[in-house]
């Protein structure tokens, strides 16, 4: 794994619980993605969430961006999010995993 994505997701306060549930539910979708090596969803504050995931290739990253998790986030953006998710590609420099 040498590339990844870092996404920042800000929920409208009244939808924070629904966004948390959406991200928790996305874990199985991430497990089903053959080219997603690692996938983490996290919460920064009451309304700010994030996702960090890694891939072996640009094709894997591009496939993830066109997959079911990204589609669900974009659909949620219309009603549940304060703005569109801020999704940034990253290059990994080092990693420690179990």
N, C-alpha and C. Protein backbone atom coordinates (compact mmCIF):
# COMPACT_ATOMS: atom_id res chain seq x y z
N UNK A 1 0.85 -1.17 0.00
CA UNK A 1 0.00 0.00 0.00
C UNK A 1 0.89 1.23 0.00
N UNK A 2 0.65 2.08 -0.95
CA UNK A 2 1.50 3.26 -1.04
C UNK A 2 0.73 4.55 -1.34
N UNK A 3 -0.59 4.43 -1.53
CA UNK A 3 -1.40 5.61 -1.73
C UNK A 3 -2.68 5.51 -0.92
N UNK A 4 -3.32 6.64 -0.70
CA UNK A 4 -4.54 6.62 0.10
C UNK A 4 -5.45 7.78 -0.21
N UNK A 5 -6.49 7.85 0.59
CA UNK A 5 -7.44 8.95 0.55
C UNK A 5 -7.71 9.39 1.97
N UNK A 6 -7.82 10.69 2.16
CA UNK A 6 -8.21 11.25 3.45
C UNK A 6 -9.43 12.12 3.20
N UNK A 7 -10.52 11.79 3.86
CA UNK A 7 -11.77 12.52 3.66
C UNK A 7 -12.21 13.15 4.97
N UNK A 8 -12.65 14.39 4.88
CA UNK A 8 -13.24 15.11 6.02
C UNK A 8 -14.70 15.33 5.70
N UNK A 9 -15.55 14.96 6.66
CA UNK A 9 -17.00 14.98 6.45
C UNK A 9 -17.63 15.75 7.60
N UNK A 10 -18.34 16.82 7.28
CA UNK A 10 -18.99 17.62 8.32
C UNK A 10 -20.51 17.48 8.21
N UNK A 11 -21.10 16.92 9.25
CA UNK A 11 -22.54 16.71 9.28
C UNK A 11 -23.26 17.95 9.79
N UNK A 12 -24.47 18.15 9.32
CA UNK A 12 -25.34 19.13 9.96
C UNK A 12 -25.65 18.57 11.36
N UNK A 13 -25.69 19.42 12.38
CA UNK A 13 -25.85 18.91 13.75
C UNK A 13 -27.02 17.94 13.92
N UNK A 14 -28.13 18.19 13.27
CA UNK A 14 -29.30 17.33 13.45
C UNK A 14 -29.15 15.98 12.75
N UNK A 15 -28.10 15.81 11.93
CA UNK A 15 -27.88 14.55 11.22
C UNK A 15 -26.61 13.82 11.65
N UNK A 16 -25.97 14.28 12.70
CA UNK A 16 -24.70 13.67 13.12
C UNK A 16 -24.84 12.18 13.42
N UNK A 17 -25.90 11.78 14.10
CA UNK A 17 -26.09 10.36 14.41
C UNK A 17 -26.28 9.53 13.15
N UNK A 18 -26.99 10.07 12.16
CA UNK A 18 -27.20 9.36 10.91
C UNK A 18 -25.91 9.21 10.12
N UNK A 19 -25.07 10.26 10.14
CA UNK A 19 -23.78 10.17 9.45
C UNK A 19 -22.89 9.14 10.14
N UNK A 20 -22.90 9.12 11.47
CA UNK A 20 -22.13 8.09 12.19
C UNK A 20 -22.61 6.70 11.78
N UNK A 21 -23.91 6.49 11.73
CA UNK A 21 -24.46 5.19 11.35
C UNK A 21 -24.08 4.83 9.91
N UNK A 22 -24.10 5.82 9.01
CA UNK A 22 -23.71 5.58 7.63
C UNK A 22 -22.27 5.09 7.56
N UNK A 23 -21.38 5.74 8.31
CA UNK A 23 -19.96 5.34 8.29
C UNK A 23 -19.75 3.98 8.94
N UNK A 24 -20.43 3.72 10.03
CA UNK A 24 -20.32 2.39 10.66
C UNK A 24 -20.81 1.31 9.70
N UNK A 25 -21.90 1.59 9.01
CA UNK A 25 -22.45 0.63 8.06
C UNK A 25 -21.59 0.44 6.83
N UNK A 26 -20.75 1.41 6.51
CA UNK A 26 -19.89 1.33 5.33
C UNK A 26 -18.73 0.36 5.53
N UNK A 27 -18.48 -0.07 6.74
CA UNK A 27 -17.36 -0.98 6.98
C UNK A 27 -17.48 -2.24 6.13
N UNK A 28 -18.64 -2.84 6.07
CA UNK A 28 -18.79 -4.05 5.27
C UNK A 28 -18.58 -3.77 3.78
N UNK A 29 -19.02 -2.61 3.33
CA UNK A 29 -18.77 -2.24 1.93
C UNK A 29 -17.27 -2.15 1.66
N UNK A 30 -16.53 -1.56 2.60
CA UNK A 30 -15.08 -1.45 2.45
C UNK A 30 -14.43 -2.84 2.44
N UNK A 31 -14.92 -3.72 3.32
CA UNK A 31 -14.39 -5.09 3.34
C UNK A 31 -14.62 -5.80 2.01
N UNK A 32 -15.72 -5.48 1.35
CA UNK A 32 -16.05 -6.12 0.08
C UNK A 32 -15.25 -5.58 -1.09
N UNK A 33 -14.59 -4.45 -0.93
CA UNK A 33 -13.78 -3.87 -2.01
C UNK A 33 -12.43 -4.58 -2.07
N UNK A 34 -12.22 -5.29 -3.12
CA UNK A 34 -11.01 -6.09 -3.28
C UNK A 34 -9.73 -5.25 -3.24
N UNK A 35 -9.78 -4.03 -3.75
CA UNK A 35 -8.57 -3.22 -3.87
C UNK A 35 -8.38 -2.21 -2.74
N UNK A 36 -9.26 -2.21 -1.76
CA UNK A 36 -9.08 -1.35 -0.59
C UNK A 36 -8.31 -2.15 0.46
N UNK A 37 -7.08 -1.71 0.76
CA UNK A 37 -6.22 -2.45 1.68
C UNK A 37 -6.64 -2.20 3.13
N UNK A 38 -6.72 -0.93 3.52
CA UNK A 38 -7.17 -0.58 4.87
C UNK A 38 -8.22 0.51 4.75
N UNK A 39 -9.12 0.55 5.74
CA UNK A 39 -10.20 1.54 5.73
C UNK A 39 -10.52 1.89 7.18
N UNK A 40 -10.50 3.16 7.50
CA UNK A 40 -10.77 3.64 8.85
C UNK A 40 -11.80 4.77 8.78
N UNK A 41 -12.82 4.70 9.60
CA UNK A 41 -13.75 5.81 9.77
C UNK A 41 -13.56 6.32 11.19
N UNK A 42 -13.61 7.63 11.37
CA UNK A 42 -13.37 8.20 12.69
C UNK A 42 -14.21 9.45 12.89
N UNK A 43 -14.25 9.87 14.15
CA UNK A 43 -15.00 11.07 14.51
C UNK A 43 -14.04 12.04 15.18
N UNK A 44 -14.03 13.29 14.72
CA UNK A 44 -13.18 14.33 15.30
C UNK A 44 -13.91 15.13 16.36
N UNK A 45 -15.19 15.38 16.14
CA UNK A 45 -15.98 16.18 17.07
C UNK A 45 -17.44 15.77 16.92
N UNK A 46 -18.33 16.50 17.53
CA UNK A 46 -19.75 16.16 17.48
C UNK A 46 -20.28 16.08 16.05
N UNK A 47 -19.75 16.89 15.15
CA UNK A 47 -20.28 16.91 13.78
C UNK A 47 -19.24 16.64 12.69
N UNK A 48 -17.98 16.47 13.06
CA UNK A 48 -16.93 16.26 12.06
C UNK A 48 -16.43 14.82 12.11
N UNK A 49 -16.47 14.19 10.95
CA UNK A 49 -16.06 12.80 10.80
C UNK A 49 -14.97 12.72 9.74
N UNK A 50 -14.36 11.56 9.63
CA UNK A 50 -13.36 11.37 8.60
C UNK A 50 -13.25 9.92 8.20
N UNK A 51 -12.62 9.72 7.05
CA UNK A 51 -12.31 8.39 6.55
C UNK A 51 -10.88 8.45 6.01
N UNK A 52 -10.12 7.41 6.34
CA UNK A 52 -8.78 7.24 5.78
C UNK A 52 -8.69 5.83 5.24
N UNK A 53 -8.28 5.70 3.99
CA UNK A 53 -8.14 4.38 3.41
C UNK A 53 -6.90 4.32 2.53
N UNK A 54 -6.44 3.08 2.29
CA UNK A 54 -5.20 2.89 1.53
C UNK A 54 -5.42 1.88 0.41
N UNK A 55 -4.52 1.99 -0.59
CA UNK A 55 -4.63 1.18 -1.80
C UNK A 55 -3.23 0.85 -2.31
N UNK A 56 -3.15 -0.22 -3.09
CA UNK A 56 -1.88 -0.60 -3.71
C UNK A 56 -1.65 0.13 -5.03
N UNK A 57 -2.74 0.57 -5.66
CA UNK A 57 -2.59 1.15 -7.00
C UNK A 57 -3.58 2.29 -7.19
N UNK A 58 -3.28 3.09 -8.20
CA UNK A 58 -4.18 4.18 -8.57
C UNK A 58 -5.52 3.63 -9.05
N UNK A 59 -5.49 2.47 -9.68
CA UNK A 59 -6.74 1.85 -10.14
C UNK A 59 -7.64 1.50 -8.95
N UNK A 60 -7.04 1.01 -7.87
CA UNK A 60 -7.81 0.70 -6.67
C UNK A 60 -8.41 1.94 -6.05
N UNK A 61 -7.62 3.01 -6.00
CA UNK A 61 -8.12 4.26 -5.44
C UNK A 61 -9.24 4.82 -6.31
N UNK A 62 -9.06 4.81 -7.61
CA UNK A 62 -10.09 5.33 -8.52
C UNK A 62 -11.36 4.49 -8.42
N UNK A 63 -11.21 3.18 -8.31
CA UNK A 63 -12.38 2.31 -8.16
C UNK A 63 -13.15 2.60 -6.89
N UNK A 64 -12.42 2.86 -5.82
CA UNK A 64 -13.07 3.19 -4.55
C UNK A 64 -13.85 4.49 -4.67
N UNK A 65 -13.29 5.47 -5.33
CA UNK A 65 -13.97 6.76 -5.50
C UNK A 65 -15.24 6.64 -6.35
N UNK A 66 -15.33 5.59 -7.12
CA UNK A 66 -16.52 5.36 -7.94
C UNK A 66 -17.43 4.29 -7.33
N UNK A 67 -17.10 3.85 -6.11
CA UNK A 67 -17.83 2.75 -5.48
C UNK A 67 -19.02 3.18 -4.65
N UNK A 68 -19.54 2.22 -3.92
CA UNK A 68 -20.77 2.40 -3.15
C UNK A 68 -20.61 3.34 -1.96
N UNK A 69 -19.45 3.35 -1.32
CA UNK A 69 -19.25 4.24 -0.17
C UNK A 69 -19.26 5.70 -0.63
N UNK A 70 -18.51 6.00 -1.67
CA UNK A 70 -18.48 7.37 -2.20
C UNK A 70 -19.87 7.80 -2.67
N UNK A 71 -20.59 6.90 -3.30
CA UNK A 71 -21.94 7.22 -3.76
C UNK A 71 -22.86 7.55 -2.58
N UNK A 72 -22.74 6.78 -1.51
CA UNK A 72 -23.57 7.04 -0.32
C UNK A 72 -23.23 8.39 0.30
N UNK A 73 -21.95 8.73 0.35
CA UNK A 73 -21.55 10.03 0.90
C UNK A 73 -22.08 11.17 0.04
N UNK A 74 -21.99 11.04 -1.25
CA UNK A 74 -22.47 12.10 -2.13
C UNK A 74 -23.98 12.25 -2.03
N UNK A 75 -24.67 11.15 -1.88
CA UNK A 75 -26.12 11.21 -1.70
C UNK A 75 -26.46 11.89 -0.38
N UNK A 76 -25.71 11.57 0.68
CA UNK A 76 -25.94 12.18 1.99
C UNK A 76 -25.61 13.66 1.99
N UNK A 77 -24.69 14.07 1.14
CA UNK A 77 -24.24 15.46 1.12
C UNK A 77 -25.40 16.42 0.89
N UNK A 78 -26.36 16.00 0.11
CA UNK A 78 -27.48 16.88 -0.22
C UNK A 78 -28.31 17.27 1.00
N UNK A 79 -28.47 16.34 1.93
CA UNK A 79 -29.35 16.62 3.07
C UNK A 79 -28.64 16.61 4.42
N UNK A 80 -27.71 15.68 4.62
CA UNK A 80 -27.14 15.47 5.95
C UNK A 80 -25.83 16.19 6.22
N UNK A 81 -25.16 16.67 5.18
CA UNK A 81 -23.84 17.27 5.38
C UNK A 81 -23.90 18.79 5.21
N UNK A 82 -23.01 19.48 5.94
CA UNK A 82 -22.91 20.93 5.83
C UNK A 82 -22.36 21.36 4.48
N UNK A 83 -21.52 20.50 3.89
CA UNK A 83 -20.94 20.74 2.57
C UNK A 83 -20.51 19.40 2.00
N UNK A 84 -20.10 19.41 0.75
CA UNK A 84 -19.61 18.17 0.13
C UNK A 84 -18.39 17.66 0.90
N UNK A 85 -18.21 16.35 0.99
CA UNK A 85 -17.01 15.82 1.65
C UNK A 85 -15.74 16.36 1.00
N UNK A 86 -14.74 16.67 1.82
CA UNK A 86 -13.44 17.11 1.33
C UNK A 86 -12.56 15.87 1.23
N UNK A 87 -12.38 15.36 0.02
CA UNK A 87 -11.65 14.11 -0.20
C UNK A 87 -10.35 14.43 -0.90
N UNK A 88 -9.24 14.02 -0.27
CA UNK A 88 -7.91 14.35 -0.80
C UNK A 88 -7.08 13.09 -1.00
N UNK A 89 -6.46 12.95 -2.16
CA UNK A 89 -5.52 11.85 -2.36
C UNK A 89 -4.24 12.12 -1.58
N UNK A 90 -3.64 11.07 -1.03
CA UNK A 90 -2.38 11.20 -0.30
C UNK A 90 -1.42 10.10 -0.74
N UNK A 91 -0.14 10.39 -0.63
CA UNK A 91 0.91 9.39 -0.83
C UNK A 91 1.42 8.98 0.54
N UNK A 92 1.50 7.69 0.78
CA UNK A 92 1.96 7.20 2.08
C UNK A 92 3.49 7.18 2.12
N UNK A 93 4.03 7.66 3.20
CA UNK A 93 5.49 7.67 3.37
C UNK A 93 5.95 6.51 4.24
N UNK A 94 5.16 6.14 5.24
CA UNK A 94 5.51 5.05 6.13
C UNK A 94 4.24 4.58 6.82
N UNK A 95 4.24 3.33 7.28
CA UNK A 95 3.08 2.79 7.97
C UNK A 95 3.51 1.71 8.95
N UNK A 96 2.79 1.62 10.05
CA UNK A 96 2.96 0.53 11.02
C UNK A 96 1.60 -0.11 11.19
N UNK A 97 1.50 -1.36 10.88
CA UNK A 97 0.27 -2.11 11.01
C UNK A 97 0.55 -3.38 11.81
N UNK A 98 -0.48 -3.95 12.41
CA UNK A 98 -0.26 -5.19 13.18
C UNK A 98 0.19 -6.33 12.28
